[in-house]
Amino acid sequence: MSINLSALQLRDSGLVDALEASLRRHAIPNGVLEIEITESTLMESVEANLQKLQAIRRLGVGLAIDDFGTGYSSLNYLNRFPLDKLKVDRSFVHDMLDDPTDLAITRAIIGLGHTLGLKVVAEGVETAQEVDILRGADCDEFQGFFFARPMPAHELPAWLAARDADRKVLVQLAG
């Protein structure tokens, strides 16, 4: 599960304690929660953010840079943050079918992420053709309308059950 964190929330001095209390209260195991932070937010107060992210990481929470490629990050700092994932901004994914430059940028971000030992997620995936291109570029994960539209939390269990049922039918047909 991923949660977007705003610049205001990241600046909150009580963030780590509140996060730790919430993880404990809801019995959320290590590795289940991931915090997403935009690269521009990350670069606002580099040293303070570095310390806060290290503390969050010690809680067993994953960290991802959201909308990568649209901000002003320094690659020097990127390597210092305790990150798990880079998320390629949807603007590159959306335009990569028509714009060779956006395709090259998308591939470069995927390569950069892997070189830094990070998983790479493509945002805004809307077509099977985009999935095929991204798979060919070794992108690790995908998110977007191709897979599901945003939905209220109470609809998620039924959606997951339907997906599981579809998977079982495909396995039976293939078997």
Foldseek 3Di string as FASTA:
>chain_A
DEDEDELVLLPDPCNLVVVLVVCVVVVPDAPPYEYEYAQQSCPPDVVSSQVSQVSNVVSRYAYEHPCPPPHDDDPVSVLSHPHAEYEHHQVLLVCVVPDVVSLVVLLVVCVVQVVSVHAYEYEADQDPVSVVSCVVSVHDYYDHPNQHDDDDPVCVVVVVVVVVVVVVVVVVVVD
